[in-house]
Amino acid sequence: MSDRHVAAMAIVVWAGALTPRHVPTVVLLTATAVAALALHRRWPVRFIITVAILASFLSGAAWARIEPAVAERYVGPAVLVADPEPVSGGVRVTALIEGGRYDLRAWGSPAGGLRNRLMGERVKVEVDLRPLGNAPAWLLAQGLSGRGTVVSVESFDVGSPHTRIANSIRRTIESGASSMNRDERALFAGLVYGDDRQQSPLTADNFDAAGLTHLLAVSGQNVAFVLAITGPVLRRLGHRQRFVFVLAVLLLFATVTTIRAVGGAGLGDDRGGSGGSVSRDRDVESPDPGSGCGGPGVG
């Protein structure tokens, strides 16, 4: 396909995703087969049209899987699908509860129980769940079933094997930077594996104003650092062994960084823009620990 075809496909896929249509699975599979046939036969226009229709069907399927929450007190395990974020004197985190994604807030003692947890870990919580209500479309599009206010955090475990490895590496890196002050540690974590949660509002605003926020995101420079560290080992390996070793290193690095970034993308960017604003929070509703009606600080 030409560059024009690729650009046109991007536009129609975007339009298709904004117009969800829920269809039976057989129709979805048929559209997929037609798209594959059009790609194989090199029919660019038919392929683009089919992909646009497929985007609409997939968007409809994603919306259909969201089950709105009911107001209830839940006690049980919750899997953190993102790192806890400090907001408005408390902690905010997206968690998976009985198959649904919830935007959870915690203050006081429960916030302390969640603050040092990492993505992928399981915590046993007591939480007041509630529907999203009149939430904006961008919040609904994150696939959330509802909101919740954490009442207590009873226990936790380290989660699945790959998250255990990733979080162990992250905590080892963090302990190695323990001699730095808080701002230096936050900057170090952002440069090494893209964790900018603990950056001060002033630092975040300065990087934003200077146009250097990309340095605090996972990118090719991080991969270059990792491969440079493993260089002495790579030079002693043959071509096939080197390929396998590099692939293993990159997969491990992706577990530590990219998976966290994907999860964090659901939370959005809580920082303010340039021009002097240093607020890290932008809540839909004013958070109230007493009522538990705080809106998510999603950007």
C-alpha atoms as a PDB file:
ATOM      1  CA  MET A   1       0.000   0.000   0.000  1.00  0.00           C
ATOM      2  CA  SER A   2       1.083   3.551  -0.658  1.00  0.00           C
ATOM      3  CA  ASP A   3       1.573   6.215   1.995  1.00  0.00           C
ATOM      4  CA  ARG A   4      -1.814   7.678   1.076  1.00  0.00           C
ATOM      5  CA  HIS A   5      -3.469   4.333   1.645  1.00  0.00           C
ATOM      6  CA  VAL A   6      -1.825   4.011   5.060  1.00  0.00           C
ATOM      7  CA  ALA A   7      -2.930   7.523   6.034  1.00  0.00           C
ATOM      8  CA  ALA A   8      -6.465   6.828   4.830  1.00  0.00           C
ATOM      9  CA  MET A   9      -6.562   3.570   6.777  1.00  0.00           C
ATOM     10  CA  ALA A  10      -5.504   5.362   9.975  1.00  0.00           C
ATOM     11  CA  ILE A  11      -8.322   7.879   9.547  1.00  0.00           C
ATOM     12  CA  VAL A  12     -11.047   5.331   8.825  1.00  0.00           C
ATOM     13  CA  VAL A  13      -9.902   3.053  11.677  1.00  0.00           C
ATOM     14  CA  TRP A  14     -10.173   6.021  14.034  1.00  0.00           C
ATOM     15  CA  ALA A  15     -13.642   6.793  12.683  1.00  0.00           C
ATOM     16  CA  GLY A  16     -14.671   3.149  12.964  1.00  0.00           C
ATOM     17  CA  ALA A  17     -13.540   2.937  16.567  1.00  0.00           C
ATOM     18  CA  LEU A  18     -15.667   5.992  17.378  1.00  0.00           C
ATOM     19  CA  THR A  19     -18.778   4.304  15.943  1.00  0.00           C
ATOM     20  CA  PRO A  20     -18.984   0.964  17.789  1.00  0.00           C
ATOM     21  CA  ARG A  21     -21.328  -1.706  16.509  1.00  0.00           C
ATOM     22  CA  HIS A  22     -21.856  -4.888  18.469  1.00  0.00           C
ATOM     23  CA  VAL A  23     -22.307  -7.885  16.186  1.00  0.00           C
ATOM     24  CA  PRO A  24     -22.308 -11.662  16.661  1.00  0.00           C
ATOM     25  CA  THR A  25     -18.940 -13.393  16.782  1.00  0.00           C
ATOM     26  CA  VAL A  26     -19.510 -15.071  13.407  1.00  0.00           C
ATOM     27  CA  VAL A  27     -19.883 -11.658  11.745  1.00  0.00           C
ATOM     28  CA  LEU A  28     -16.691 -10.457  13.416  1.00  0.00           C
ATOM     29  CA  LEU A  29     -14.794 -13.526  12.202  1.00  0.00           C
ATOM     30  CA  THR A  30     -16.194 -13.067   8.697  1.00  0.00           C
ATOM     31  CA  ALA A  31     -15.002  -9.463   8.573  1.00  0.00           C
ATOM     32  CA  THR A  32     -11.568 -10.599   9.728  1.00  0.00           C
ATOM     33  CA  ALA A  33     -11.423 -13.209   6.979  1.00  0.00           C
ATOM     34  CA  VAL A  34     -12.471 -10.674   4.342  1.00  0.00           C
ATOM     35  CA  ALA A  35      -9.768  -8.260   5.524  1.00  0.00           C
ATOM     36  CA  ALA A  36      -7.165 -11.028   5.357  1.00  0.00           C
ATOM     37  CA  LEU A  37      -8.298 -11.933   1.827  1.00  0.00           C
ATOM     38  CA  ALA A  38      -8.160  -8.312   0.662  1.00  0.00           C
ATOM     39  CA  LEU A  39      -4.643  -7.965   2.084  1.00  0.00           C
ATOM     40  CA  HIS A  40      -3.513 -11.199   0.435  1.00  0.00           C
ATOM     41  CA  ARG A  41      -4.965 -10.179  -2.949  1.00  0.00           C
ATOM     42  CA  ARG A  42      -3.529  -6.672  -2.585  1.00  0.00           C
ATOM     43  CA  TRP A  43      -6.844  -4.848  -2.846  1.00  0.00           C
ATOM     44  CA  PRO A  44      -5.961  -1.703  -0.867  1.00  0.00           C
ATOM     45  CA  VAL A  45      -9.333   0.056  -1.081  1.00  0.00           C
ATOM     46  CA  ARG A  46     -11.327  -3.028  -0.104  1.00  0.00           C
ATOM     47  CA  PHE A  47      -8.833  -3.754   2.662  1.00  0.00           C
ATOM     48  CA  ILE A  48      -9.163  -0.231   4.080  1.00  0.00           C
ATOM     49  CA  ILE A  49     -12.962  -0.376   4.017  1.00  0.00           C
ATOM     50  CA  THR A  50     -12.999  -3.791   5.670  1.00  0.00           C
ATOM     51  CA  VAL A  51     -10.528  -2.707   8.349  1.00  0.00           C
ATOM     52  CA  ALA A  52     -12.732   0.313   9.137  1.00  0.00           C
ATOM     53  CA  ILE A  53     -15.739  -1.972   9.552  1.00  0.00           C
ATOM     54  CA  LEU A  54     -13.641  -4.348  11.660  1.00  0.00           C
ATOM     55  CA  ALA A  55     -12.573  -1.461  13.903  1.00  0.00           C
ATOM     56  CA  SER A  56     -16.225  -0.615  14.497  1.00  0.00           C
ATOM     57  CA  PHE A  57     -17.050  -4.239  15.335  1.00  0.00           C
ATOM     58  CA  LEU A  58     -14.089  -4.590  17.697  1.00  0.00           C
ATOM     59  CA  SER A  59     -14.991  -1.341  19.411  1.00  0.00           C
ATOM     60  CA  GLY A  60     -18.530  -2.625  19.894  1.00  0.00           C
ATOM     61  CA  ALA A  61     -17.228  -5.897  21.313  1.00  0.00           C
ATOM     62  CA  ALA A  62     -15.031  -4.004  23.788  1.00  0.00           C
ATOM     63  CA  TRP A  63     -17.944  -1.869  24.967  1.00  0.00           C
ATOM     64  CA  ALA A  64     -20.160  -4.935  25.305  1.00  0.00           C
ATOM     65  CA  ARG A  65     -17.699  -6.611  27.678  1.00  0.00           C
ATOM     66  CA  ILE A  66     -17.957  -3.768  30.189  1.00  0.00           C
ATOM     67  CA  GLU A  67     -20.406  -4.626  32.951  1.00  0.00           C
ATOM     68  CA  PRO A  68     -21.453  -1.557  34.973  1.00  0.00           C
ATOM     69  CA  ALA A  69     -20.747  -1.835  38.668  1.00  0.00           C
ATOM     70  CA  VAL A  70     -23.422  -1.938  41.330  1.00  0.00           C
ATOM     71  CA  ALA A  71     -23.099  -0.105  44.616  1.00  0.00           C
ATOM     72  CA  GLU A  72     -21.816  -2.679  47.110  1.00  0.00           C
ATOM     73  CA  ARG A  73     -19.176  -3.420  49.743  1.00  0.00           C
ATOM     74  CA  TYR A  74     -16.613  -5.826  48.295  1.00  0.00           C
ATOM     75  CA  VAL A  75     -14.119  -7.832  50.318  1.00  0.00           C
ATOM     76  CA  GLY A  76     -11.617  -9.948  48.422  1.00  0.00           C
ATOM     77  CA  PRO A  77      -8.609  -9.923  46.105  1.00  0.00           C
ATOM     78  CA  ALA A  78      -7.838  -7.167  43.640  1.00  0.00           C
ATOM     79  CA  VAL A  79      -5.082  -7.265  41.014  1.00  0.00           C
ATOM     80  CA  LEU A  80      -3.339  -3.957  40.413  1.00  0.00           C
ATOM     81  CA  VAL A  81      -3.216  -3.249  36.678  1.00  0.00           C
ATOM     82  CA  ALA A  82      -1.148  -0.089  37.176  1.00  0.00           C
ATOM     83  CA  ASP A  83       1.200   1.355  39.756  1.00  0.00           C
ATOM     84  CA  PRO A  84      -0.524   3.347  42.518  1.00  0.00           C
ATOM     85  CA  GLU A  85      -0.403   7.086  41.845  1.00  0.00           C
ATOM     86  CA  PRO A  86      -0.238   9.748  44.575  1.00  0.00           C
ATOM     87  CA  VAL A  87      -3.159  12.177  44.185  1.00  0.00           C
ATOM     88  CA  SER A  88      -4.919  14.704  46.396  1.00  0.00           C
ATOM     89  CA  GLY A  89      -3.437  13.514  49.668  1.00  0.00           C
ATOM     90  CA  GLY A  90      -4.176   9.874  48.909  1.00  0.00           C
ATOM     91  CA  VAL A  91      -3.532   7.118  46.391  1.00  0.00           C
ATOM     92  CA  ARG A  92      -5.267   6.219  43.151  1.00  0.00           C
ATOM     93  CA  VAL A  93      -4.919   2.913  41.314  1.00  0.00           C
ATOM     94  CA  THR A  94      -6.715   0.896  38.662  1.00  0.00           C
ATOM     95  CA  ALA A  95      -7.474  -2.649  39.817  1.00  0.00           C
ATOM     96  CA  LEU A  96      -9.100  -5.763  38.426  1.00  0.00           C
ATOM     97  CA  ILE A  97     -11.915  -7.032  40.655  1.00  0.00           C
ATOM     98  CA  GLU A  98     -13.910 -10.100  39.606  1.00  0.00           C
ATOM     99  CA  GLY A  99     -13.196  -9.437  35.928  1.00  0.00           C
ATOM    100  CA  GLY A 100     -14.015  -5.722  36.003  1.00  0.00           C
ATOM    101  CA  ARG A 101     -11.623  -2.759  36.028  1.00  0.00           C
ATOM    102  CA  TYR A 102     -12.203  -0.231  38.791  1.00  0.00           C
ATOM    103  CA  ASP A 103     -10.744   3.167  39.532  1.00  0.00           C
ATOM    104  CA  LEU A 104      -9.937   3.003  43.250  1.00  0.00           C
ATOM    105  CA  ARG A 105      -9.089   5.783  45.682  1.00  0.00           C
ATOM    106  CA  ALA A 106      -7.638   5.408  49.169  1.00  0.00           C
ATOM    107  CA  TRP A 107      -6.835   7.831  51.955  1.00  0.00           C
ATOM    108  CA  GLY A 108      -5.224   7.481  55.346  1.00  0.00           C
ATOM    109  CA  SER A 109      -4.202   4.000  56.459  1.00  0.00           C
ATOM    110  CA  PRO A 110      -5.532   2.207  53.320  1.00  0.00           C
ATOM    111  CA  ALA A 111      -3.459   4.588  51.190  1.00  0.00           C
ATOM    112  CA  GLY A 112      -0.371   3.562  53.149  1.00  0.00           C
ATOM    113  CA  GLY A 113      -1.157  -0.088  52.431  1.00  0.00           C
ATOM    114  CA  LEU A 114      -1.300   0.565  48.684  1.00  0.00           C
ATOM    115  CA  ARG A 115       1.388   3.225  48.221  1.00  0.00           C
ATOM    116  CA  ASN A 116       4.358   0.833  47.958  1.00  0.00           C
ATOM    117  CA  ARG A 117       2.619  -1.841  45.919  1.00  0.00           C
ATOM    118  CA  LEU A 118       3.409  -2.283  42.217  1.00  0.00           C
ATOM    119  CA  MET A 119       1.557  -3.282  39.098  1.00  0.00           C
ATOM    120  CA  GLY A 120       0.636  -6.973  38.919  1.00  0.00           C
ATOM    121  CA  GLU A 121       0.550  -7.552  42.662  1.00  0.00           C
ATOM    122  CA  ARG A 122      -2.600  -8.838  44.349  1.00  0.00           C
ATOM    123  CA  VAL A 123      -4.026  -7.209  47.432  1.00  0.00           C
ATOM    124  CA  LYS A 124      -6.920  -8.263  49.643  1.00  0.00           C
ATOM    125  CA  VAL A 125      -9.062  -5.183  50.120  1.00  0.00           C
ATOM    126  CA  GLU A 126     -12.330  -4.008  51.539  1.00  0.00           C
ATOM    127  CA  VAL A 127     -13.741  -1.432  49.163  1.00  0.00           C
ATOM    128  CA  ASP A 128     -17.001   0.405  48.566  1.00  0.00           C
ATOM    129  CA  LEU A 129     -17.757   0.012  44.858  1.00  0.00           C
ATOM    130  CA  ARG A 130     -20.116   2.264  42.902  1.00  0.00           C
ATOM    131  CA  PRO A 131     -21.062   2.914  39.262  1.00  0.00           C
ATOM    132  CA  LEU A 132     -19.270   5.519  37.205  1.00  0.00           C
ATOM    133  CA  GLY A 133     -22.420   7.621  36.965  1.00  0.00           C
ATOM    134  CA  ASN A 134     -22.264  10.562  34.589  1.00  0.00           C
ATOM    135  CA  ALA A 135     -18.616  10.056  33.752  1.00  0.00           C
ATOM    136  CA  PRO A 136     -17.106  11.665  30.636  1.00  0.00           C
ATOM    137  CA  ALA A 137     -16.700   9.569  27.518  1.00  0.00           C
ATOM    138  CA  TRP A 138     -12.895   9.464  27.772  1.00  0.00           C
ATOM    139  CA  LEU A 139     -13.183   7.832  31.182  1.00  0.00           C
ATOM    140  CA  LEU A 140     -15.723   5.278  29.986  1.00  0.00           C
ATOM    141  CA  ALA A 141     -13.456   4.464  27.039  1.00  0.00           C
ATOM    142  CA  GLN A 142     -10.814   3.160  29.444  1.00  0.00           C
ATOM    143  CA  GLY A 143     -12.975   0.101  30.026  1.00  0.00           C
ATOM    144  CA  LEU A 144     -13.752   0.884  33.658  1.00  0.00           C
ATOM    145  CA  SER A 145     -16.738  -0.772  35.279  1.00  0.00           C
ATOM    146  CA  GLY A 146     -16.907   1.633  38.190  1.00  0.00           C
ATOM    147  CA  ARG A 147     -15.170   3.513  40.975  1.00  0.00           C
ATOM    148  CA  GLY A 148     -14.367   2.550  44.507  1.00  0.00           C
ATOM    149  CA  THR A 149     -13.133   3.841  47.846  1.00  0.00           C
ATOM    150  CA  VAL A 150     -10.773   1.510  49.688  1.00  0.00           C
ATOM    151  CA  VAL A 151     -11.776   1.006  53.301  1.00  0.00           C
ATOM    152  CA  SER A 152      -8.939  -1.308  54.326  1.00  0.00           C
ATOM    153  CA  VAL A 153      -6.008  -3.273  52.912  1.00  0.00           C
ATOM    154  CA  GLU A 154      -5.631  -6.603  54.672  1.00  0.00           C
ATOM    155  CA  SER A 155      -2.810  -8.421  52.876  1.00  0.00           C
ATOM    156  CA  PHE A 156      -0.983  -8.761  49.571  1.00  0.00           C
ATOM    157  CA  ASP A 157       1.038 -11.202  47.497  1.00  0.00           C
ATOM    158  CA  VAL A 158       3.572 -10.683  44.739  1.00  0.00           C
ATOM    159  CA  GLY A 159       1.394 -11.903  41.880  1.00  0.00           C
ATOM    160  CA  SER A 160       2.333 -13.991  38.866  1.00  0.00           C
ATOM    161  CA  PRO A 161       5.919 -15.157  38.204  1.00  0.00           C
ATOM    162  CA  HIS A 162       6.707 -12.571  35.511  1.00  0.00           C
ATOM    163  CA  THR A 163       5.412  -9.656  37.597  1.00  0.00           C
ATOM    164  CA  ARG A 164       7.363 -11.028  40.562  1.00  0.00           C
ATOM    165  CA  ILE A 165      10.584 -10.920  38.516  1.00  0.00           C
ATOM    166  CA  ALA A 166       9.848  -7.471  37.090  1.00  0.00           C
ATOM    167  CA  ASN A 167       8.948  -5.911  40.423  1.00  0.00           C
ATOM    168  CA  SER A 168      11.946  -7.532  42.104  1.00  0.00           C
ATOM    169  CA  ILE A 169      14.247  -5.905  39.540  1.00  0.00           C
ATOM    170  CA  ARG A 170      12.533  -2.559  39.956  1.00  0.00           C
ATOM    171  CA  ARG A 171      12.860  -2.652  43.733  1.00  0.00           C
ATOM    172  CA  THR A 172      16.537  -3.629  43.400  1.00  0.00           C
ATOM    173  CA  ILE A 173      17.151  -0.629  41.141  1.00  0.00           C
ATOM    174  CA  GLU A 174      15.291   1.624  43.558  1.00  0.00           C
ATOM    175  CA  SER A 175      17.317   0.367  46.528  1.00  0.00           C
ATOM    176  CA  GLY A 176      20.511   1.105  44.592  1.00  0.00           C
ATOM    177  CA  ALA A 177      19.427   4.738  44.323  1.00  0.00           C
ATOM    178  CA  SER A 178      18.574   5.038  48.021  1.00  0.00           C
ATOM    179  CA  SER A 179      21.534   7.359  48.652  1.00  0.00           C
ATOM    180  CA  MET A 180      20.024  10.000  46.362  1.00  0.00           C
ATOM    181  CA  ASN A 181      17.585  12.609  47.579  1.00  0.00           C
ATOM    182  CA  ARG A 182      13.912  12.312  46.680  1.00  0.00           C
ATOM    183  CA  ASP A 183      14.018  14.466  43.525  1.00  0.00           C
ATOM    184  CA  GLU A 184      17.126  12.696  42.248  1.00  0.00           C
ATOM    185  CA  ARG A 185      15.586   9.257  42.874  1.00  0.00           C
ATOM    186  CA  ALA A 186      12.415  10.263  41.025  1.00  0.00           C
ATOM    187  CA  LEU A 187      14.435  11.552  38.079  1.00  0.00           C
ATOM    188  CA  PHE A 188      16.612   8.417  38.083  1.00  0.00           C
ATOM    189  CA  ALA A 189      13.537   6.137  38.009  1.00  0.00           C
ATOM    190  CA  GLY A 190      12.055   8.127  35.132  1.00  0.00           C
ATOM    191  CA  LEU A 191      15.229   7.981  33.060  1.00  0.00           C
ATOM    192  CA  VAL A 192      15.924   4.285  33.699  1.00  0.00           C
ATOM    193  CA  TYR A 193      12.498   2.663  33.387  1.00  0.00           C
ATOM    194  CA  GLY A 194       9.931   5.407  32.863  1.00  0.00           C
ATOM    195  CA  ASP A 195       8.516   5.627  36.399  1.00  0.00           C
ATOM    196  CA  ASP A 196       7.698   9.296  36.952  1.00  0.00           C
ATOM    197  CA  ARG A 197       5.157   8.913  39.752  1.00  0.00           C
ATOM    198  CA  GLN A 198       7.299  10.478  42.463  1.00  0.00           C
ATOM    199  CA  GLN A 199       8.493  13.481  40.501  1.00  0.00           C
ATOM    200  CA  SER A 200       7.685  16.823  42.066  1.00  0.00           C
ATOM    201  CA  PRO A 201       5.193  19.049  40.224  1.00  0.00           C
ATOM    202  CA  LEU A 202       7.949  21.600  39.651  1.00  0.00           C
ATOM    203  CA  THR A 203      10.284  19.059  38.009  1.00  0.00           C
ATOM    204  CA  ALA A 204       7.486  17.731  35.838  1.00  0.00           C
ATOM    205  CA  ASP A 205       6.511  21.242  34.768  1.00  0.00           C
ATOM    206  CA  ASN A 206      10.129  22.168  33.984  1.00  0.00           C
ATOM    207  CA  PHE A 207      10.591  19.117  31.761  1.00  0.00           C
ATOM    208  CA  ASP A 208       7.284  19.842  30.049  1.00  0.00           C
ATOM    209  CA  ALA A 209       8.203  23.482  29.428  1.00  0.00           C
ATOM    210  CA  ALA A 210      11.591  22.474  28.032  1.00  0.00           C
ATOM    211  CA  GLY A 211      10.045  19.849  25.741  1.00  0.00           C
ATOM    212  CA  LEU A 212      12.103  17.068  27.336  1.00  0.00           C
ATOM    213  CA  THR A 213       9.373  14.847  28.771  1.00  0.00           C
ATOM    214  CA  HIS A 214      10.316  12.165  26.242  1.00  0.00           C
ATOM    215  CA  LEU A 215      13.492  11.559  28.260  1.00  0.00           C
ATOM    216  CA  LEU A 216      11.340  10.236  31.111  1.00  0.00           C
ATOM    217  CA  ALA A 217       9.496   7.733  28.922  1.00  0.00           C
ATOM    218  CA  VAL A 218      10.682   4.301  27.880  1.00  0.00           C
ATOM    219  CA  SER A 219      12.415   4.652  24.510  1.00  0.00           C
ATOM    220  CA  GLY A 220      15.326   3.458  22.420  1.00  0.00           C
ATOM    221  CA  GLN A 221      17.821   5.131  24.753  1.00  0.00           C
ATOM    222  CA  ASN A 222      16.784   2.783  27.560  1.00  0.00           C
ATOM    223  CA  VAL A 223      17.278  -0.218  25.290  1.00  0.00           C
ATOM    224  CA  ALA A 224      20.715   1.130  24.309  1.00  0.00           C
ATOM    225  CA  PHE A 225      21.665   1.424  27.985  1.00  0.00           C
ATOM    226  CA  VAL A 226      20.634  -2.165  28.667  1.00  0.00           C
ATOM    227  CA  LEU A 227      22.500  -3.547  25.654  1.00  0.00           C
ATOM    228  CA  ALA A 228      25.579  -1.511  26.571  1.00  0.00           C
ATOM    229  CA  ILE A 229      25.578  -3.112  30.021  1.00  0.00           C
ATOM    230  CA  THR A 230      25.333  -6.587  28.515  1.00  0.00           C
ATOM    231  CA  GLY A 231      27.970  -5.784  25.868  1.00  0.00           C
ATOM    232  CA  PRO A 232      30.816  -7.768  27.502  1.00  0.00           C
ATOM    233  CA  VAL A 233      28.646 -10.889  27.514  1.00  0.00           C
ATOM    234  CA  LEU A 234      27.417 -10.359  23.957  1.00  0.00           C
ATOM    235  CA  ARG A 235      30.964 -10.120  22.583  1.00  0.00           C
ATOM    236  CA  ARG A 236      31.715 -13.608  23.884  1.00  0.00           C
ATOM    237  CA  LEU A 237      28.712 -15.239  22.217  1.00  0.00           C
ATOM    238  CA  GLY A 238      28.188 -16.538  18.710  1.00  0.00           C
ATOM    239  CA  HIS A 239      25.587 -15.067  16.368  1.00  0.00           C
ATOM    240  CA  ARG A 240      22.800 -17.491  17.290  1.00  0.00           C
ATOM    241  CA  GLN A 241      23.509 -17.372  21.006  1.00  0.00           C
ATOM    242  CA  ARG A 242      23.718 -13.584  20.814  1.00  0.00           C
ATOM    243  CA  PHE A 243      20.292 -13.376  19.179  1.00  0.00           C
ATOM    244  CA  VAL A 244      18.701 -15.562  21.845  1.00  0.00           C
ATOM    245  CA  PHE A 245      20.432 -13.666  24.646  1.00  0.00           C
ATOM    246  CA  VAL A 246      19.419 -10.242  23.295  1.00  0.00           C
ATOM    247  CA  LEU A 247      15.835 -11.431  22.827  1.00  0.00           C
ATOM    248  CA  ALA A 248      15.718 -12.683  26.430  1.00  0.00           C
ATOM    249  CA  VAL A 249      17.191  -9.427  27.756  1.00  0.00           C
ATOM    250  CA  LEU A 250      14.733  -7.311  25.788  1.00  0.00           C
ATOM    251  CA  LEU A 251      11.781  -9.408  26.933  1.00  0.00           C
ATOM    252  CA  LEU A 252      12.880  -8.989  30.526  1.00  0.00           C
ATOM    253  CA  PHE A 253      13.352  -5.262  30.016  1.00  0.00           C
ATOM    254  CA  ALA A 254       9.898  -5.032  28.448  1.00  0.00           C
ATOM    255  CA  THR A 255       8.441  -6.778  31.480  1.00  0.00           C
ATOM    256  CA  VAL A 256      10.024  -4.186  33.775  1.00  0.00           C
ATOM    257  CA  THR A 257       9.244  -1.104  31.688  1.00  0.00           C
ATOM    258  CA  THR A 258       6.855  -1.424  28.784  1.00  0.00           C
ATOM    259  CA  ILE A 259       4.191  -3.438  30.618  1.00  0.00           C
ATOM    260  CA  ARG A 260       4.179  -0.817  33.342  1.00  0.00           C
ATOM    261  CA  ALA A 261       3.909   1.925  30.732  1.00  0.00           C
ATOM    262  CA  VAL A 262       0.953   0.221  29.092  1.00  0.00           C
ATOM    263  CA  GLY A 263      -0.800  -0.090  32.391  1.00  0.00           C
ATOM    264  CA  GLY A 264       0.019   3.481  33.308  1.00  0.00           C
ATOM    265  CA  ALA A 265      -1.397   4.711  30.033  1.00  0.00           C
ATOM    266  CA  GLY A 266      -4.821   3.841  31.317  1.00  0.00           C
ATOM    267  CA  LEU A 267      -4.306   6.319  34.123  1.00  0.00           C
ATOM    268  CA  GLY A 268      -3.362   9.099  31.763  1.00  0.00           C
ATOM    269  CA  ASP A 269      -1.091  12.004  32.580  1.00  0.00           C
ATOM    270  CA  ASP A 270      -1.958  13.807  35.793  1.00  0.00           C
ATOM    271  CA  ARG A 271       0.438  16.661  35.226  1.00  0.00           C
ATOM    272  CA  GLY A 272      -0.506  20.128  34.283  1.00  0.00           C
ATOM    273  CA  GLY A 273       0.717  21.755  31.107  1.00  0.00           C
ATOM    274  CA  SER A 274       3.417  24.345  30.670  1.00  0.00           C
ATOM    275  CA  GLY A 275       3.089  28.013  31.353  1.00  0.00           C
ATOM    276  CA  GLY A 276       3.612  27.862  35.077  1.00  0.00           C
ATOM    277  CA  SER A 277       1.029  25.263  36.088  1.00  0.00           C
ATOM    278  CA  VAL A 278       2.490  22.711  38.442  1.00  0.00           C
ATOM    279  CA  SER A 279      -0.638  20.820  39.457  1.00  0.00           C
ATOM    280  CA  ARG A 280      -0.357  17.049  39.101  1.00  0.00           C
ATOM    281  CA  ASP A 281      -4.077  16.444  39.632  1.00  0.00           C
ATOM    282  CA  ARG A 282      -7.004  17.164  37.421  1.00  0.00           C
ATOM    283  CA  ASP A 283     -10.036  15.584  39.017  1.00  0.00           C
ATOM    284  CA  VAL A 284     -13.450  15.274  37.454  1.00  0.00           C
ATOM    285  CA  GLU A 285     -14.997  15.638  40.895  1.00  0.00           C
ATOM    286  CA  SER A 286     -13.514  17.003  44.084  1.00  0.00           C
ATOM    287  CA  PRO A 287     -12.237  14.096  46.152  1.00  0.00           C
ATOM    288  CA  ASP A 288     -13.938  13.731  49.492  1.00  0.00           C
ATOM    289  CA  PRO A 289     -12.560  11.018  51.771  1.00  0.00           C
ATOM    290  CA  GLY A 290     -15.735  11.060  53.766  1.00  0.00           C
ATOM    291  CA  SER A 291     -18.125  10.524  50.913  1.00  0.00           C
ATOM    292  CA  GLY A 292     -15.757   8.636  48.606  1.00  0.00           C
ATOM    293  CA  CYS A 293     -16.982  10.581  45.593  1.00  0.00           C
ATOM    294  CA  GLY A 294     -13.625  11.667  44.269  1.00  0.00           C
ATOM    295  CA  GLY A 295     -13.364  11.544  40.535  1.00  0.00           C
ATOM    296  CA  PRO A 296     -10.338  10.059  38.830  1.00  0.00           C
ATOM    297  CA  GLY A 297      -7.440  12.283  38.080  1.00  0.00           C
ATOM    298  CA  VAL A 298      -7.226  11.054  34.540  1.00  0.00           C
ATOM    299  CA  GLY A 299      -5.754  13.321  31.943  1.00  0.00           C
END
